[in-house]
Amino acid sequence: MLERKEGSRSIDTYIGELRKLYDKVLKETYRKSVRETRILFEILNNWIDASILFKEYKLEEVIHNISGIVFIYLWRAGNWILYEILTGHYFEAFRDIRFLFEGSLLAVHYNYFIDKKIYEKRGSLAKLSLKAEIVELLEKMREEVRQLYKEKKLEDIKSLVRKKVEKFIADLNLAEDKKKKYVELYYEILMQPELYWSVGKIIHEYSKIWNLDKKNESSLKATWGKLSLYTHFSREFFNLALNRPQEIWIEHYNKNLLKKCCKLYITTVDLFISTLAVAYPKLKDSLRNIVKWWEENLDIELSILKTILEKVICKNVFA
């Protein structure tokens, strides 16, 4: 019992020291980066009320839509990213922002191409469990299929996809006749070449679909590139070690990294809300209010969202 109490005391002491350290970085951040701190808080303070989403859409239209799942997750993720940035965990924040950037795009992308095939076959949209299984299969063979597409080996792609699908379905607890139907359904979905696009390709194609100008497309590509650069074990990490070696050991306020985090996060939030507008067009009035508030109070233009609200939602290109 005594050993357990001593262990608890040690943990409490350790956590207490971490809190002191993070509080010190927090206070320095508040003092030296007032604008960035305010922006980070206002992103959450002026977020979309989830009750509006559930008022306009049925529960199943949210929980079976990947964009809906990402939206629900973003409140939690947004709070954590805010904490990471303010306490000097900049590289950790870059990784989490990258997850949201990629997730925002892939949510719309997967929803569209999976639901499209399911609707053709069944006259309804796919459940989240089916989408999860498709994504699981997709992840297992993405790189191999991409390489075969580069080599223009279509027959090899067909063979690979069918083999992976048959093996996956064989392990499910289903009757044989159902297994055959699922094999054909999953095979058709996974034979769509669009599902194997890179994030860069998705940005390019969706920029055309959403009528984004070159500036916005370039901004998205640059944001993705920078997030990937900071996420991977790259030169940027070594630059930090060379220029401010103390930050490799312990958290410190870094004005330049904080500004980069804030800028990349703003673009990511702009992209995410834009994909939400595409997935849930009935939210357009609430989203227009967000655009207006950001411009009037933060002097920030959510240019991607503005474009989509003006040029895409009215056309309903994903109908």
C-alpha atoms as a PDB file:
ATOM      1  CA  MET A   1       0.000   0.000   0.000  1.00  0.00           C
ATOM      2  CA  LEU A   2       2.877   2.354   0.904  1.00  0.00           C
ATOM      3  CA  GLU A   3       4.557   1.703  -2.485  1.00  0.00           C
ATOM      4  CA  ARG A   4       1.292   2.502  -4.281  1.00  0.00           C
ATOM      5  CA  LYS A   5       0.955   5.828  -2.430  1.00  0.00           C
ATOM      6  CA  GLU A   6       4.557   6.717  -3.197  1.00  0.00           C
ATOM      7  CA  GLY A   7       3.956   5.900  -6.876  1.00  0.00           C
ATOM      8  CA  SER A   8       0.845   8.099  -6.941  1.00  0.00           C
ATOM      9  CA  ARG A   9       2.796  10.936  -5.329  1.00  0.00           C
ATOM     10  CA  SER A  10       5.506  10.667  -7.960  1.00  0.00           C
ATOM     11  CA  ILE A  11       2.935  10.778 -10.771  1.00  0.00           C
ATOM     12  CA  ASP A  12       1.174  13.781  -9.189  1.00  0.00           C
ATOM     13  CA  THR A  13       4.501  15.594  -8.861  1.00  0.00           C
ATOM     14  CA  TYR A  14       5.401  14.849 -12.469  1.00  0.00           C
ATOM     15  CA  ILE A  15       2.016  16.048 -13.771  1.00  0.00           C
ATOM     16  CA  GLY A  16       2.249  19.157 -11.599  1.00  0.00           C
ATOM     17  CA  GLU A  17       5.655  20.068 -13.052  1.00  0.00           C
ATOM     18  CA  LEU A  18       4.321  19.625 -16.592  1.00  0.00           C
ATOM     19  CA  ARG A  19       1.395  21.927 -15.809  1.00  0.00           C
ATOM     20  CA  LYS A  20       3.760  24.601 -14.510  1.00  0.00           C
ATOM     21  CA  LEU A  21       5.826  24.352 -17.686  1.00  0.00           C
ATOM     22  CA  TYR A  22       2.808  24.508 -19.994  1.00  0.00           C
ATOM     23  CA  ASP A  23       1.267  27.377 -18.018  1.00  0.00           C
ATOM     24  CA  LYS A  24       4.479  29.317 -18.483  1.00  0.00           C
ATOM     25  CA  VAL A  25       4.384  28.807 -22.278  1.00  0.00           C
ATOM     26  CA  LEU A  26       0.659  29.641 -22.321  1.00  0.00           C
ATOM     27  CA  LYS A  27       1.154  32.953 -20.557  1.00  0.00           C
ATOM     28  CA  GLU A  28       4.024  33.917 -22.836  1.00  0.00           C
ATOM     29  CA  THR A  29       1.895  33.038 -25.876  1.00  0.00           C
ATOM     30  CA  TYR A  30      -1.023  35.178 -24.629  1.00  0.00           C
ATOM     31  CA  ARG A  31       1.328  38.076 -24.035  1.00  0.00           C
ATOM     32  CA  LYS A  32       3.371  37.953 -27.251  1.00  0.00           C
ATOM     33  CA  SER A  33       0.895  36.591 -29.841  1.00  0.00           C
ATOM     34  CA  VAL A  34      -2.381  38.283 -28.971  1.00  0.00           C
ATOM     35  CA  ARG A  35      -3.920  38.186 -32.463  1.00  0.00           C
ATOM     36  CA  GLU A  36      -3.116  34.524 -33.104  1.00  0.00           C
ATOM     37  CA  THR A  37      -4.378  33.522 -29.676  1.00  0.00           C
ATOM     38  CA  ARG A  38      -7.662  35.332 -30.269  1.00  0.00           C
ATOM     39  CA  ILE A  39      -8.107  33.748 -33.703  1.00  0.00           C
ATOM     40  CA  LEU A  40      -7.576  30.245 -32.306  1.00  0.00           C
ATOM     41  CA  PHE A  41     -10.184  30.812 -29.597  1.00  0.00           C
ATOM     42  CA  GLU A  42     -12.677  32.459 -31.966  1.00  0.00           C
ATOM     43  CA  ILE A  43     -12.537  29.463 -34.339  1.00  0.00           C
ATOM     44  CA  LEU A  44     -14.149  27.416 -31.577  1.00  0.00           C
ATOM     45  CA  ASN A  45     -16.308  30.183 -30.085  1.00  0.00           C
ATOM     46  CA  ASN A  46     -17.966  30.773 -33.462  1.00  0.00           C
ATOM     47  CA  TRP A  47     -18.242  27.155 -34.491  1.00  0.00           C
ATOM     48  CA  ILE A  48     -21.299  25.599 -36.136  1.00  0.00           C
ATOM     49  CA  ASP A  49     -23.989  24.682 -33.631  1.00  0.00           C
ATOM     50  CA  ALA A  50     -24.435  20.907 -33.924  1.00  0.00           C
ATOM     51  CA  SER A  51     -28.118  21.306 -33.078  1.00  0.00           C
ATOM     52  CA  ILE A  52     -28.623  23.095 -36.416  1.00  0.00           C
ATOM     53  CA  LEU A  53     -27.145  20.126 -38.264  1.00  0.00           C
ATOM     54  CA  PHE A  54     -29.407  17.655 -36.467  1.00  0.00           C
ATOM     55  CA  LYS A  55     -32.407  19.936 -36.947  1.00  0.00           C
ATOM     56  CA  GLU A  56     -31.943  20.067 -40.723  1.00  0.00           C
ATOM     57  CA  TYR A  57     -30.873  16.439 -41.220  1.00  0.00           C
ATOM     58  CA  LYS A  58     -31.950  13.046 -39.903  1.00  0.00           C
ATOM     59  CA  LEU A  59     -29.611  11.293 -37.490  1.00  0.00           C
ATOM     60  CA  GLU A  60     -28.676   8.624 -40.045  1.00  0.00           C
ATOM     61  CA  GLU A  61     -27.715  11.346 -42.547  1.00  0.00           C
ATOM     62  CA  VAL A  62     -25.059  12.463 -40.084  1.00  0.00           C
ATOM     63  CA  ILE A  63     -23.770   9.248 -38.529  1.00  0.00           C
ATOM     64  CA  HIS A  64     -23.505   7.415 -41.861  1.00  0.00           C
ATOM     65  CA  ASN A  65     -21.848  10.325 -43.648  1.00  0.00           C
ATOM     66  CA  ILE A  66     -18.066  10.473 -43.205  1.00  0.00           C
ATOM     67  CA  SER A  67     -18.192  14.293 -43.290  1.00  0.00           C
ATOM     68  CA  GLY A  68     -20.683  14.142 -40.424  1.00  0.00           C
ATOM     69  CA  ILE A  69     -18.331  11.958 -38.385  1.00  0.00           C
ATOM     70  CA  VAL A  70     -15.426  14.341 -39.014  1.00  0.00           C
ATOM     71  CA  PHE A  71     -17.661  17.283 -38.025  1.00  0.00           C
ATOM     72  CA  ILE A  72     -18.551  15.635 -34.719  1.00  0.00           C
ATOM     73  CA  TYR A  73     -14.873  14.837 -34.096  1.00  0.00           C
ATOM     74  CA  LEU A  74     -13.637  18.323 -34.959  1.00  0.00           C
ATOM     75  CA  TRP A  75     -14.898  19.937 -31.754  1.00  0.00           C
ATOM     76  CA  ARG A  76     -12.742  17.615 -29.680  1.00  0.00           C
ATOM     77  CA  ALA A  77      -9.835  17.834 -32.142  1.00  0.00           C
ATOM     78  CA  GLY A  78     -10.113  21.619 -32.347  1.00  0.00           C
ATOM     79  CA  ASN A  79      -9.841  21.998 -28.587  1.00  0.00           C
ATOM     80  CA  TRP A  80      -6.763  19.784 -28.521  1.00  0.00           C
ATOM     81  CA  ILE A  81      -5.085  21.602 -31.444  1.00  0.00           C
ATOM     82  CA  LEU A  82      -5.720  24.905 -29.652  1.00  0.00           C
ATOM     83  CA  TYR A  83      -4.047  23.524 -26.520  1.00  0.00           C
ATOM     84  CA  GLU A  84      -1.111  22.119 -28.513  1.00  0.00           C
ATOM     85  CA  ILE A  85      -0.387  25.408 -30.242  1.00  0.00           C
ATOM     86  CA  LEU A  86      -0.732  27.552 -27.131  1.00  0.00           C
ATOM     87  CA  THR A  87       1.543  25.289 -25.076  1.00  0.00           C
ATOM     88  CA  GLY A  88       4.311  25.128 -27.670  1.00  0.00           C
ATOM     89  CA  HIS A  89       3.576  21.650 -29.076  1.00  0.00           C
ATOM     90  CA  TYR A  90       3.845  22.955 -32.632  1.00  0.00           C
ATOM     91  CA  PHE A  91       4.963  19.822 -34.452  1.00  0.00           C
ATOM     92  CA  GLU A  92       2.234  17.832 -32.702  1.00  0.00           C
ATOM     93  CA  ALA A  93      -0.274  20.466 -33.829  1.00  0.00           C
ATOM     94  CA  PHE A  94       0.966  20.211 -37.431  1.00  0.00           C
ATOM     95  CA  ARG A  95       0.290  16.463 -37.355  1.00  0.00           C
ATOM     96  CA  ASP A  96      -3.245  16.910 -36.010  1.00  0.00           C
ATOM     97  CA  ILE A  97      -4.040  19.711 -38.469  1.00  0.00           C
ATOM     98  CA  ARG A  98      -2.824  17.463 -41.296  1.00  0.00           C
ATOM     99  CA  PHE A  99      -5.234  14.742 -40.142  1.00  0.00           C
ATOM    100  CA  LEU A 100      -8.155  17.191 -40.383  1.00  0.00           C
ATOM    101  CA  PHE A 101      -7.020  18.537 -43.758  1.00  0.00           C
ATOM    102  CA  GLU A 102      -6.748  15.069 -45.267  1.00  0.00           C
ATOM    103  CA  GLY A 103      -9.877  13.860 -43.484  1.00  0.00           C
ATOM    104  CA  SER A 104     -11.959  16.776 -44.778  1.00  0.00           C
ATOM    105  CA  LEU A 105     -11.103  15.994 -48.400  1.00  0.00           C
ATOM    106  CA  LEU A 106     -11.278  12.216 -48.167  1.00  0.00           C
ATOM    107  CA  ALA A 107     -14.607  12.341 -46.311  1.00  0.00           C
ATOM    108  CA  VAL A 108     -16.295  14.057 -49.264  1.00  0.00           C
ATOM    109  CA  HIS A 109     -14.360  11.947 -51.760  1.00  0.00           C
ATOM    110  CA  TYR A 110     -15.161   8.575 -50.184  1.00  0.00           C
ATOM    111  CA  ASN A 111     -18.775   9.500 -49.523  1.00  0.00           C
ATOM    112  CA  TYR A 112     -19.364  10.460 -53.123  1.00  0.00           C
ATOM    113  CA  PHE A 113     -17.764   7.503 -54.868  1.00  0.00           C
ATOM    114  CA  ILE A 114     -19.000   4.858 -52.418  1.00  0.00           C
ATOM    115  CA  ASP A 115     -22.539   6.241 -52.172  1.00  0.00           C
ATOM    116  CA  LYS A 116     -22.740   6.623 -55.947  1.00  0.00           C
ATOM    117  CA  LYS A 117     -22.206   2.898 -56.549  1.00  0.00           C
ATOM    118  CA  ILE A 118     -24.444   1.834 -53.671  1.00  0.00           C
ATOM    119  CA  TYR A 119     -27.236   4.064 -54.957  1.00  0.00           C
ATOM    120  CA  GLU A 120     -26.911   2.608 -58.458  1.00  0.00           C
ATOM    121  CA  LYS A 121     -27.279  -0.906 -57.049  1.00  0.00           C
ATOM    122  CA  ARG A 122     -29.691  -0.453 -54.158  1.00  0.00           C
ATOM    123  CA  GLY A 123     -31.373   2.906 -54.536  1.00  0.00           C
ATOM    124  CA  SER A 124     -30.073   3.973 -51.114  1.00  0.00           C
ATOM    125  CA  LEU A 125     -26.899   5.370 -49.578  1.00  0.00           C
ATOM    126  CA  ALA A 126     -24.221   3.301 -47.838  1.00  0.00           C
ATOM    127  CA  LYS A 127     -24.080   2.699 -44.107  1.00  0.00           C
ATOM    128  CA  LEU A 128     -20.965   3.780 -42.235  1.00  0.00           C
ATOM    129  CA  SER A 129     -20.011   0.142 -41.537  1.00  0.00           C
ATOM    130  CA  LEU A 130     -19.864  -0.580 -45.283  1.00  0.00           C
ATOM    131  CA  LYS A 131     -17.814   2.578 -45.901  1.00  0.00           C
ATOM    132  CA  ALA A 132     -15.420   1.550 -43.138  1.00  0.00           C
ATOM    133  CA  GLU A 133     -14.918  -1.858 -44.771  1.00  0.00           C
ATOM    134  CA  ILE A 134     -14.312  -0.280 -48.176  1.00  0.00           C
ATOM    135  CA  VAL A 135     -11.742   2.091 -46.699  1.00  0.00           C
ATOM    136  CA  GLU A 136     -10.070  -0.814 -44.879  1.00  0.00           C
ATOM    137  CA  LEU A 137      -9.700  -2.699 -48.169  1.00  0.00           C
ATOM    138  CA  LEU A 138      -8.618   0.458 -49.954  1.00  0.00           C
ATOM    139  CA  GLU A 139      -5.820   1.075 -47.461  1.00  0.00           C
ATOM    140  CA  LYS A 140      -4.517  -2.473 -47.875  1.00  0.00           C
ATOM    141  CA  MET A 141      -3.952  -2.142 -51.607  1.00  0.00           C
ATOM    142  CA  ARG A 142      -3.781   1.586 -52.377  1.00  0.00           C
ATOM    143  CA  GLU A 143      -0.069   1.811 -53.097  1.00  0.00           C
ATOM    144  CA  GLU A 144       0.003  -1.411 -55.107  1.00  0.00           C
ATOM    145  CA  VAL A 145      -2.964  -0.351 -57.243  1.00  0.00           C
ATOM    146  CA  ARG A 146      -1.456   3.106 -57.805  1.00  0.00           C
ATOM    147  CA  GLN A 147       1.728   1.499 -59.082  1.00  0.00           C
ATOM    148  CA  LEU A 148      -0.220  -0.790 -61.417  1.00  0.00           C
ATOM    149  CA  TYR A 149      -2.127   2.224 -62.769  1.00  0.00           C
ATOM    150  CA  LYS A 150       1.200   3.908 -63.505  1.00  0.00           C
ATOM    151  CA  GLU A 151       2.276   0.807 -65.404  1.00  0.00           C
ATOM    152  CA  LYS A 152      -1.153   0.680 -67.144  1.00  0.00           C
ATOM    153  CA  LYS A 153      -1.736  -2.897 -66.022  1.00  0.00           C
ATOM    154  CA  LEU A 154      -5.526  -2.835 -65.804  1.00  0.00           C
ATOM    155  CA  GLU A 155      -5.948  -6.626 -65.858  1.00  0.00           C
ATOM    156  CA  ASP A 156      -3.546  -6.955 -62.937  1.00  0.00           C
ATOM    157  CA  ILE A 157      -5.573  -4.351 -61.032  1.00  0.00           C
ATOM    158  CA  LYS A 158      -8.784  -6.312 -61.654  1.00  0.00           C
ATOM    159  CA  SER A 159      -7.139  -9.502 -60.458  1.00  0.00           C
ATOM    160  CA  LEU A 160      -5.674  -7.877 -57.342  1.00  0.00           C
ATOM    161  CA  VAL A 161      -8.896  -6.117 -56.328  1.00  0.00           C
ATOM    162  CA  ARG A 162     -11.034  -9.231 -56.803  1.00  0.00           C
ATOM    163  CA  LYS A 163      -8.562 -11.367 -54.855  1.00  0.00           C
ATOM    164  CA  LYS A 164      -8.484  -8.933 -51.918  1.00  0.00           C
ATOM    165  CA  VAL A 165     -12.274  -8.547 -51.884  1.00  0.00           C
ATOM    166  CA  GLU A 166     -12.934 -12.292 -52.070  1.00  0.00           C
ATOM    167  CA  LYS A 167     -10.557 -12.951 -49.185  1.00  0.00           C
ATOM    168  CA  PHE A 168     -12.134 -10.185 -47.093  1.00  0.00           C
ATOM    169  CA  ILE A 169     -15.737 -11.301 -47.742  1.00  0.00           C
ATOM    170  CA  ALA A 170     -14.870 -14.974 -47.157  1.00  0.00           C
ATOM    171  CA  ASP A 171     -14.051 -14.144 -43.538  1.00  0.00           C
ATOM    172  CA  LEU A 172     -17.441 -12.493 -42.917  1.00  0.00           C
ATOM    173  CA  ASN A 173     -20.258 -14.411 -41.269  1.00  0.00           C
ATOM    174  CA  LEU A 174     -22.616 -14.377 -44.266  1.00  0.00           C
ATOM    175  CA  ALA A 175     -24.576 -16.922 -46.297  1.00  0.00           C
ATOM    176  CA  GLU A 176     -22.884 -17.985 -49.539  1.00  0.00           C
ATOM    177  CA  ASP A 177     -25.400 -16.226 -51.805  1.00  0.00           C
ATOM    178  CA  LYS A 178     -24.914 -12.988 -49.874  1.00  0.00           C
ATOM    179  CA  LYS A 179     -21.150 -13.359 -50.047  1.00  0.00           C
ATOM    180  CA  LYS A 180     -21.290 -13.491 -53.849  1.00  0.00           C
ATOM    181  CA  LYS A 181     -23.404 -10.322 -53.970  1.00  0.00           C
ATOM    182  CA  TYR A 182     -21.054  -8.503 -51.604  1.00  0.00           C
ATOM    183  CA  VAL A 183     -18.006  -9.568 -53.622  1.00  0.00           C
ATOM    184  CA  GLU A 184     -19.466  -8.055 -56.790  1.00  0.00           C
ATOM    185  CA  LEU A 185     -20.610  -4.900 -54.989  1.00  0.00           C
ATOM    186  CA  TYR A 186     -17.286  -4.264 -53.234  1.00  0.00           C
ATOM    187  CA  TYR A 187     -15.364  -5.128 -56.391  1.00  0.00           C
ATOM    188  CA  GLU A 188     -17.290  -2.543 -58.423  1.00  0.00           C
ATOM    189  CA  ILE A 189     -16.768   0.134 -55.788  1.00  0.00           C
ATOM    190  CA  LEU A 190     -13.048  -0.544 -55.445  1.00  0.00           C
ATOM    191  CA  MET A 191     -12.459  -0.650 -59.206  1.00  0.00           C
ATOM    192  CA  GLN A 192     -13.198   3.086 -59.415  1.00  0.00           C
ATOM    193  CA  PRO A 193      -9.805   4.674 -60.209  1.00  0.00           C
ATOM    194  CA  GLU A 194     -10.803   7.891 -58.416  1.00  0.00           C
ATOM    195  CA  LEU A 195     -10.559   6.130 -55.046  1.00  0.00           C
ATOM    196  CA  TYR A 196      -6.816   5.776 -55.570  1.00  0.00           C
ATOM    197  CA  TRP A 197      -6.121   9.434 -56.295  1.00  0.00           C
ATOM    198  CA  SER A 198      -3.421  11.110 -54.215  1.00  0.00           C
ATOM    199  CA  VAL A 199      -4.377  14.064 -52.017  1.00  0.00           C
ATOM    200  CA  GLY A 200      -2.680  16.398 -54.522  1.00  0.00           C
ATOM    201  CA  LYS A 201      -4.811  14.973 -57.343  1.00  0.00           C
ATOM    202  CA  ILE A 202      -7.968  15.293 -55.231  1.00  0.00           C
ATOM    203  CA  ILE A 203      -7.146  18.950 -54.515  1.00  0.00           C
ATOM    204  CA  HIS A 204      -6.675  19.624 -58.233  1.00  0.00           C
ATOM    205  CA  GLU A 205      -9.864  17.861 -59.353  1.00  0.00           C
ATOM    206  CA  TYR A 206     -12.071  19.299 -56.626  1.00  0.00           C
ATOM    207  CA  SER A 207     -10.726  22.781 -57.226  1.00  0.00           C
ATOM    208  CA  LYS A 208     -12.143  22.472 -60.748  1.00  0.00           C
ATOM    209  CA  ILE A 209     -15.462  21.050 -59.529  1.00  0.00           C
ATOM    210  CA  TRP A 210     -15.806  23.773 -56.889  1.00  0.00           C
ATOM    211  CA  ASN A 211     -14.820  26.577 -59.286  1.00  0.00           C
ATOM    212  CA  LEU A 212     -11.897  27.608 -57.096  1.00  0.00           C
ATOM    213  CA  ASP A 213      -9.462  30.042 -58.658  1.00  0.00           C
ATOM    214  CA  LYS A 214      -5.748  29.295 -59.044  1.00  0.00           C
ATOM    215  CA  LYS A 215      -4.954  31.229 -55.874  1.00  0.00           C
ATOM    216  CA  ASN A 216      -7.161  29.005 -53.723  1.00  0.00           C
ATOM    217  CA  GLU A 217      -5.941  25.828 -55.382  1.00  0.00           C
ATOM    218  CA  SER A 218      -2.338  26.907 -54.867  1.00  0.00           C
ATOM    219  CA  SER A 219      -3.099  27.750 -51.231  1.00  0.00           C
ATOM    220  CA  LEU A 220      -4.539  24.271 -50.618  1.00  0.00           C
ATOM    221  CA  LYS A 221      -1.599  22.553 -52.299  1.00  0.00           C
ATOM    222  CA  ALA A 222       0.897  24.688 -50.385  1.00  0.00           C
ATOM    223  CA  THR A 223      -0.898  23.981 -47.094  1.00  0.00           C
ATOM    224  CA  TRP A 224      -0.845  20.242 -47.758  1.00  0.00           C
ATOM    225  CA  GLY A 225       2.832  20.397 -48.694  1.00  0.00           C
ATOM    226  CA  LYS A 226       3.803  22.308 -45.555  1.00  0.00           C
ATOM    227  CA  LEU A 227       1.743  20.078 -43.270  1.00  0.00           C
ATOM    228  CA  SER A 228       3.381  17.013 -44.811  1.00  0.00           C
ATOM    229  CA  LEU A 229       6.805  18.603 -44.453  1.00  0.00           C
ATOM    230  CA  TYR A 230       6.334  19.212 -40.737  1.00  0.00           C
ATOM    231  CA  THR A 231       4.646  15.850 -40.196  1.00  0.00           C
ATOM    232  CA  HIS A 232       7.370  13.733 -41.770  1.00  0.00           C
ATOM    233  CA  PHE A 233      10.903  13.385 -40.455  1.00  0.00           C
ATOM    234  CA  SER A 234      12.250  16.177 -42.616  1.00  0.00           C
ATOM    235  CA  ARG A 235      14.699  19.056 -42.782  1.00  0.00           C
ATOM    236  CA  GLU A 236      12.295  21.246 -40.770  1.00  0.00           C
ATOM    237  CA  PHE A 237      12.869  19.160 -37.665  1.00  0.00           C
ATOM    238  CA  PHE A 238      16.640  19.471 -38.061  1.00  0.00           C
ATOM    239  CA  ASN A 239      16.281  23.229 -38.571  1.00  0.00           C
ATOM    240  CA  LEU A 240      14.587  23.418 -35.195  1.00  0.00           C
ATOM    241  CA  ALA A 241      17.398  21.423 -33.583  1.00  0.00           C
ATOM    242  CA  LEU A 242      20.026  23.663 -35.183  1.00  0.00           C
ATOM    243  CA  ASN A 243      18.411  27.031 -34.536  1.00  0.00           C
ATOM    244  CA  ARG A 244      16.693  26.454 -31.176  1.00  0.00           C
ATOM    245  CA  PRO A 245      18.104  23.211 -29.686  1.00  0.00           C
ATOM    246  CA  GLN A 246      16.434  23.881 -26.329  1.00  0.00           C
ATOM    247  CA  GLU A 247      13.053  23.176 -27.943  1.00  0.00           C
ATOM    248  CA  ILE A 248      14.044  19.610 -28.720  1.00  0.00           C
ATOM    249  CA  TRP A 249      14.288  19.026 -24.989  1.00  0.00           C
ATOM    250  CA  ILE A 250      11.417  21.076 -23.604  1.00  0.00           C
ATOM    251  CA  GLU A 251       8.475  23.229 -24.801  1.00  0.00           C
ATOM    252  CA  HIS A 252       9.121  26.913 -25.545  1.00  0.00           C
ATOM    253  CA  TYR A 253       7.190  29.760 -27.133  1.00  0.00           C
ATOM    254  CA  ASN A 254       8.207  30.111 -30.792  1.00  0.00           C
ATOM    255  CA  LYS A 255       6.634  33.039 -32.619  1.00  0.00           C
ATOM    256  CA  ASN A 256       7.387  31.806 -36.143  1.00  0.00           C
ATOM    257  CA  LEU A 257       6.114  28.266 -35.581  1.00  0.00           C
ATOM    258  CA  LEU A 258       3.002  29.590 -33.843  1.00  0.00           C
ATOM    259  CA  LYS A 259       2.219  31.851 -36.823  1.00  0.00           C
ATOM    260  CA  LYS A 260       2.708  28.964 -39.233  1.00  0.00           C
ATOM    261  CA  CYS A 261       0.407  26.744 -37.166  1.00  0.00           C
ATOM    262  CA  CYS A 262      -2.250  29.447 -37.076  1.00  0.00           C
ATOM    263  CA  LYS A 263      -2.070  30.140 -40.821  1.00  0.00           C
ATOM    264  CA  LEU A 264      -2.241  26.460 -41.786  1.00  0.00           C
ATOM    265  CA  TYR A 265      -5.071  25.865 -39.312  1.00  0.00           C
ATOM    266  CA  ILE A 266      -7.143  28.713 -40.787  1.00  0.00           C
ATOM    267  CA  THR A 267      -6.818  27.273 -44.301  1.00  0.00           C
ATOM    268  CA  THR A 268      -7.673  23.812 -42.975  1.00  0.00           C
ATOM    269  CA  VAL A 269     -10.782  25.104 -41.196  1.00  0.00           C
ATOM    270  CA  ASP A 270     -11.789  26.959 -44.379  1.00  0.00           C
ATOM    271  CA  LEU A 271     -11.448  23.688 -46.320  1.00  0.00           C
ATOM    272  CA  PHE A 272     -13.288  21.642 -43.711  1.00  0.00           C
ATOM    273  CA  ILE A 273     -16.280  23.981 -43.453  1.00  0.00           C
ATOM    274  CA  SER A 274     -16.374  24.049 -47.262  1.00  0.00           C
ATOM    275  CA  THR A 275     -16.609  20.255 -47.436  1.00  0.00           C
ATOM    276  CA  LEU A 276     -19.331  20.422 -44.797  1.00  0.00           C
ATOM    277  CA  ALA A 277     -21.230  22.876 -47.025  1.00  0.00           C
ATOM    278  CA  VAL A 278     -20.991  20.375 -49.891  1.00  0.00           C
ATOM    279  CA  ALA A 279     -22.142  17.482 -47.700  1.00  0.00           C
ATOM    280  CA  TYR A 280     -24.908  19.460 -45.945  1.00  0.00           C
ATOM    281  CA  PRO A 281     -26.099  22.318 -48.197  1.00  0.00           C
ATOM    282  CA  LYS A 282     -29.016  23.149 -45.851  1.00  0.00           C
ATOM    283  CA  LEU A 283     -26.414  24.698 -43.521  1.00  0.00           C
ATOM    284  CA  LYS A 284     -25.617  27.427 -46.069  1.00  0.00           C
ATOM    285  CA  ASP A 285     -27.255  30.271 -44.099  1.00  0.00           C
ATOM    286  CA  SER A 286     -25.379  29.395 -40.908  1.00  0.00           C
ATOM    287  CA  LEU A 287     -22.140  29.103 -42.865  1.00  0.00           C
ATOM    288  CA  ARG A 288     -22.689  32.493 -44.535  1.00  0.00           C
ATOM    289  CA  ASN A 289     -22.973  33.992 -41.046  1.00  0.00           C
ATOM    290  CA  ILE A 290     -19.610  32.459 -40.152  1.00  0.00           C
ATOM    291  CA  VAL A 291     -18.022  33.954 -43.287  1.00  0.00           C
ATOM    292  CA  LYS A 292     -19.443  37.375 -42.439  1.00  0.00           C
ATOM    293  CA  TRP A 293     -18.355  37.195 -38.783  1.00  0.00           C
ATOM    294  CA  TRP A 294     -14.763  36.241 -39.656  1.00  0.00           C
ATOM    295  CA  GLU A 295     -14.492  39.117 -42.124  1.00  0.00           C
ATOM    296  CA  GLU A 296     -15.976  41.720 -39.769  1.00  0.00           C
ATOM    297  CA  ASN A 297     -14.300  40.637 -36.519  1.00  0.00           C
ATOM    298  CA  LEU A 298     -11.058  38.926 -37.518  1.00  0.00           C
ATOM    299  CA  ASP A 299     -10.402  40.515 -40.907  1.00  0.00           C
ATOM    300  CA  ILE A 300     -10.008  37.009 -42.367  1.00  0.00           C
ATOM    301  CA  GLU A 301     -11.659  35.909 -45.594  1.00  0.00           C
ATOM    302  CA  LEU A 302     -12.766  32.288 -45.814  1.00  0.00           C
ATOM    303  CA  SER A 303     -12.353  32.423 -49.575  1.00  0.00           C
ATOM    304  CA  ILE A 304     -12.852  28.712 -50.308  1.00  0.00           C
ATOM    305  CA  LEU A 305     -16.090  28.591 -48.341  1.00  0.00           C
ATOM    306  CA  LYS A 306     -17.291  31.834 -49.942  1.00  0.00           C
ATOM    307  CA  THR A 307     -16.716  30.438 -53.410  1.00  0.00           C
ATOM    308  CA  ILE A 308     -18.518  27.190 -52.660  1.00  0.00           C
ATOM    309  CA  LEU A 309     -21.504  28.959 -51.101  1.00  0.00           C
ATOM    310  CA  GLU A 310     -21.799  31.251 -54.127  1.00  0.00           C
ATOM    311  CA  LYS A 311     -20.932  28.928 -57.020  1.00  0.00           C
ATOM    312  CA  VAL A 312     -21.394  25.321 -55.902  1.00  0.00           C
ATOM    313  CA  ILE A 313     -24.256  24.992 -53.446  1.00  0.00           C
ATOM    314  CA  CYS A 314     -26.699  26.709 -55.797  1.00  0.00           C
ATOM    315  CA  LYS A 315     -25.707  24.296 -58.602  1.00  0.00           C
ATOM    316  CA  ASN A 316     -25.791  21.226 -56.317  1.00  0.00           C
ATOM    317  CA  VAL A 317     -23.060  19.547 -58.360  1.00  0.00           C
ATOM    318  CA  PHE A 318     -22.895  16.537 -56.050  1.00  0.00           C
ATOM    319  CA  ALA A 319     -26.613  15.739 -56.318  1.00  0.00           C
END
